[in-house]
C-alpha atoms as a PDB file:
ATOM      1  CA  ARG A   1       6.803 -14.499  -2.638  1.00  0.00           C
ATOM      2  CA  LEU A   2       7.271 -11.461  -0.422  1.00  0.00           C
ATOM      3  CA  GLN A   3       6.966 -13.727   2.603  1.00  0.00           C
ATOM      4  CA  ARG A   4       9.690 -15.979   1.212  1.00  0.00           C
ATOM      5  CA  ASP A   5      12.005 -13.026   0.469  1.00  0.00           C
ATOM      6  CA  GLU A   6      11.794 -13.707  -3.264  1.00  0.00           C
ATOM      7  CA  ASP A   7      11.763 -10.020  -4.048  1.00  0.00           C
ATOM      8  CA  GLU A   8      12.454 -10.150  -7.786  1.00  0.00           C
ATOM      9  CA  GLN A   9       9.755 -12.739  -8.382  1.00  0.00           C
ATOM     10  CA  ALA A  10       7.391 -10.806  -6.125  1.00  0.00           C
ATOM     11  CA  ALA A  11       8.015  -7.657  -8.155  1.00  0.00           C
ATOM     12  CA  ASP A  12       7.115  -9.565 -11.331  1.00  0.00           C
ATOM     13  CA  ASP A  13       3.965 -10.995  -9.710  1.00  0.00           C
ATOM     14  CA  VAL A  14       2.874  -7.582  -8.477  1.00  0.00           C
ATOM     15  CA  ALA A  15       3.493  -6.017 -11.884  1.00  0.00           C
ATOM     16  CA  ARG A  16       1.257  -8.667 -13.460  1.00  0.00           C
ATOM     17  CA  ALA A  17      -1.393  -8.127 -10.777  1.00  0.00           C
ATOM     18  CA  ARG A  18      -1.343  -4.361 -11.345  1.00  0.00           C
ATOM     19  CA  ALA A  19      -1.779  -4.882 -15.088  1.00  0.00           C
ATOM     20  CA  LEU A  20      -4.641  -7.324 -14.535  1.00  0.00           C
ATOM     21  CA  VAL A  21      -6.429  -5.005 -12.104  1.00  0.00           C
ATOM     22  CA  ALA A  22      -6.146  -2.175 -14.634  1.00  0.00           C
ATOM     23  CA  GLU A  23      -7.220  -4.350 -17.570  1.00  0.00           C
ATOM     24  CA  LEU A  24     -10.281  -5.705 -15.761  1.00  0.00           C
ATOM     25  CA  ASP A  25     -11.077  -2.382 -14.067  1.00  0.00           C
ATOM     26  CA  TRP A  26     -11.070  -3.998 -10.624  1.00  0.00           C
ATOM     27  CA  THR A  27     -10.965  -0.698  -8.765  1.00  0.00           C
ATOM     28  CA  PRO A  28     -12.057  -2.188  -5.419  1.00  0.00           C
ATOM     29  CA  LEU A  29      -8.928  -4.385  -5.383  1.00  0.00           C
ATOM     30  CA  ARG A  30      -6.467  -1.686  -6.396  1.00  0.00           C
ATOM     31  CA  PRO A  31      -5.580  -0.574  -2.849  1.00  0.00           C
ATOM     32  CA  TRP A  32      -4.452  -4.111  -1.976  1.00  0.00           C
ATOM     33  CA  VAL A  33      -2.390  -4.567  -5.135  1.00  0.00           C
ATOM     34  CA  GLU A  34      -0.873  -1.091  -4.741  1.00  0.00           C
ATOM     35  CA  PHE A  35      -0.040  -1.943  -1.124  1.00  0.00           C
ATOM     36  CA  LEU A  36       1.894  -4.965  -2.394  1.00  0.00           C
ATOM     37  CA  HIS A  37       3.639  -2.733  -4.936  1.00  0.00           C
ATOM     38  CA  GLY A  38       4.624  -0.397  -2.092  1.00  0.00           C
ATOM     39  CA  GLU A  39       6.026  -3.330  -0.130  1.00  0.00           C
ATOM     40  CA  VAL A  40       8.141  -4.328  -3.132  1.00  0.00           C
ATOM     41  CA  LEU A  41       9.438  -0.752  -3.355  1.00  0.00           C
ATOM     42  CA  LEU A  42      10.256  -0.677   0.378  1.00  0.00           C
ATOM     43  CA  ARG A  43      12.242  -3.891   0.082  1.00  0.00           C
ATOM     44  CA  ALA A  44      14.155  -2.361  -2.817  1.00  0.00           C
ATOM     45  CA  GLY A  45      15.133   0.614  -0.649  1.00  0.00           C
ATOM     46  CA  ARG A  46      12.832   3.005  -2.489  1.00  0.00           C
ATOM     47  CA  ALA A  47      10.975   4.394   0.540  1.00  0.00           C
ATOM     48  CA  ALA A  48      10.056   7.747  -1.018  1.00  0.00           C
ATOM     49  CA  GLU A  49       8.385   6.045  -3.982  1.00  0.00           C
ATOM     50  CA  ALA A  50       6.709   3.561  -1.659  1.00  0.00           C
ATOM     51  CA  GLU A  51       5.313   6.404   0.440  1.00  0.00           C
ATOM     52  CA  THR A  52       3.714   7.926  -2.657  1.00  0.00           C
ATOM     53  CA  VAL A  53       2.238   4.569  -3.695  1.00  0.00           C
ATOM     54  CA  PHE A  54       0.868   3.944  -0.195  1.00  0.00           C
ATOM     55  CA  ALA A  55      -0.585   7.466   0.020  1.00  0.00           C
ATOM     56  CA  ASP A  56      -2.332   7.090  -3.336  1.00  0.00           C
ATOM     57  CA  ALA A  57      -3.659   3.662  -2.363  1.00  0.00           C
ATOM     58  CA  ARG A  58      -4.850   5.078   0.949  1.00  0.00           C
ATOM     59  CA  THR A  59      -6.756   7.846  -0.835  1.00  0.00           C
ATOM     60  CA  LEU A  60      -8.494   5.300  -3.053  1.00  0.00           C
ATOM     61  CA  ALA A  61      -9.291   3.115  -0.030  1.00  0.00           C
ATOM     62  CA  GLU A  62     -10.904   6.117   1.659  1.00  0.00           C
ATOM     63  CA  VAL A  63     -12.935   6.891  -1.469  1.00  0.00           C
ATOM     64  CA  LEU A  64     -14.069   3.260  -1.505  1.00  0.00           C
ATOM     65  CA  ASP A  65     -14.852   3.564   2.227  1.00  0.00           C
ATOM     66  CA  ASP A  66     -13.140   0.226   2.860  1.00  0.00           C
ATOM     67  CA  ALA A  67     -11.842  -0.082   6.404  1.00  0.00           C
ATOM     68  CA  CYS A  68      -9.638  -3.076   5.603  1.00  0.00           C
ATOM     69  CA  TRP A  69      -7.817  -1.346   2.760  1.00  0.00           C
ATOM     70  CA  ILE A  70      -7.535   1.865   4.795  1.00  0.00           C
ATOM     71  CA  ALA A  71      -5.882  -0.038   7.635  1.00  0.00           C
ATOM     72  CA  LEU A  72      -3.570  -1.931   5.303  1.00  0.00           C
ATOM     73  CA  THR A  73      -2.468   1.129   3.365  1.00  0.00           C
ATOM     74  CA  GLY A  74      -2.104   3.103   6.606  1.00  0.00           C
ATOM     75  CA  ARG A  75       0.310   0.457   7.843  1.00  0.00           C
ATOM     76  CA  GLY A  76       2.287   0.742   4.625  1.00  0.00           C
ATOM     77  CA  LEU A  77       2.335   4.522   4.831  1.00  0.00           C
ATOM     78  CA  ALA A  78       3.590   4.347   8.423  1.00  0.00           C
ATOM     79  CA  SER A  79       6.315   1.874   7.415  1.00  0.00           C
ATOM     80  CA  ALA A  80       7.511   4.079   4.564  1.00  0.00           C
ATOM     81  CA  ARG A  81       7.568   7.183   6.743  1.00  0.00           C
ATOM     82  CA  ALA A  82       9.465   5.360   9.484  1.00  0.00           C
ATOM     83  CA  ARG A  83      11.970   4.081   6.928  1.00  0.00           C
ATOM     84  CA  ARG A  84      12.458   7.656   5.698  1.00  0.00           C
ATOM     85  CA  GLY A  85      13.238   8.825   9.240  1.00  0.00           C
ATOM     86  CA  ASP A  86       9.880  10.473   9.999  1.00  0.00           C
ATOM     87  CA  PRO A  87       8.631   8.847  13.224  1.00  0.00           C
ATOM     88  CA  ALA A  88       6.026  11.565  13.825  1.00  0.00           C
ATOM     89  CA  GLY A  89       4.624  11.072  10.325  1.00  0.00           C
ATOM     90  CA  ALA A  90       4.655   7.317  10.846  1.00  0.00           C
ATOM     91  CA  ALA A  91       2.710   7.652  14.090  1.00  0.00           C
ATOM     92  CA  ALA A  92       0.164   9.930  12.402  1.00  0.00           C
ATOM     93  CA  ALA A  93      -0.450   7.567   9.455  1.00  0.00           C
ATOM     94  CA  PRO A  94      -3.013   5.284  11.130  1.00  0.00           C
ATOM     95  CA  VAL A  95      -6.442   6.847  11.517  1.00  0.00           C
ATOM     96  CA  SER A  96      -9.582   6.177  13.478  1.00  0.00           C
ATOM     97  CA  TYR A  97     -11.899   3.938  11.511  1.00  0.00           C
ATOM     98  CA  THR A  98     -15.007   4.759  13.511  1.00  0.00           C
ATOM     99  CA  HIS A  99     -16.305   7.056  10.764  1.00  0.00           C
ATOM    100  CA  LEU A 100     -16.470   4.191   8.290  1.00  0.00           C
ATOM    101  CA  THR A 101     -19.439   1.984   7.632  1.00  0.00           C
ATOM    102  CA  LEU A 102     -18.524  -1.653   8.067  1.00  0.00           C
END
């Protein structure tokens, strides 16, 4: 629904996904669902909240040592920082993934 610009419906879908991930204790999927939550927040003009969500999701992705989630959440973090007027912070958000095991 995010791709179709159905933001309200997307927010509802993401809220349900977040609840399901918590209920089923699907920790490995949390970074992806939190990334989607951050995207919903960005679209709603809530860049500061989105930055916090992306940063938390990024931390979990690093703990999980998952290069895909790290890249995805890094992109979100960069987007939020750019939206908040912090181009240097946005440029610093992506990291080298060479230290990760793939």
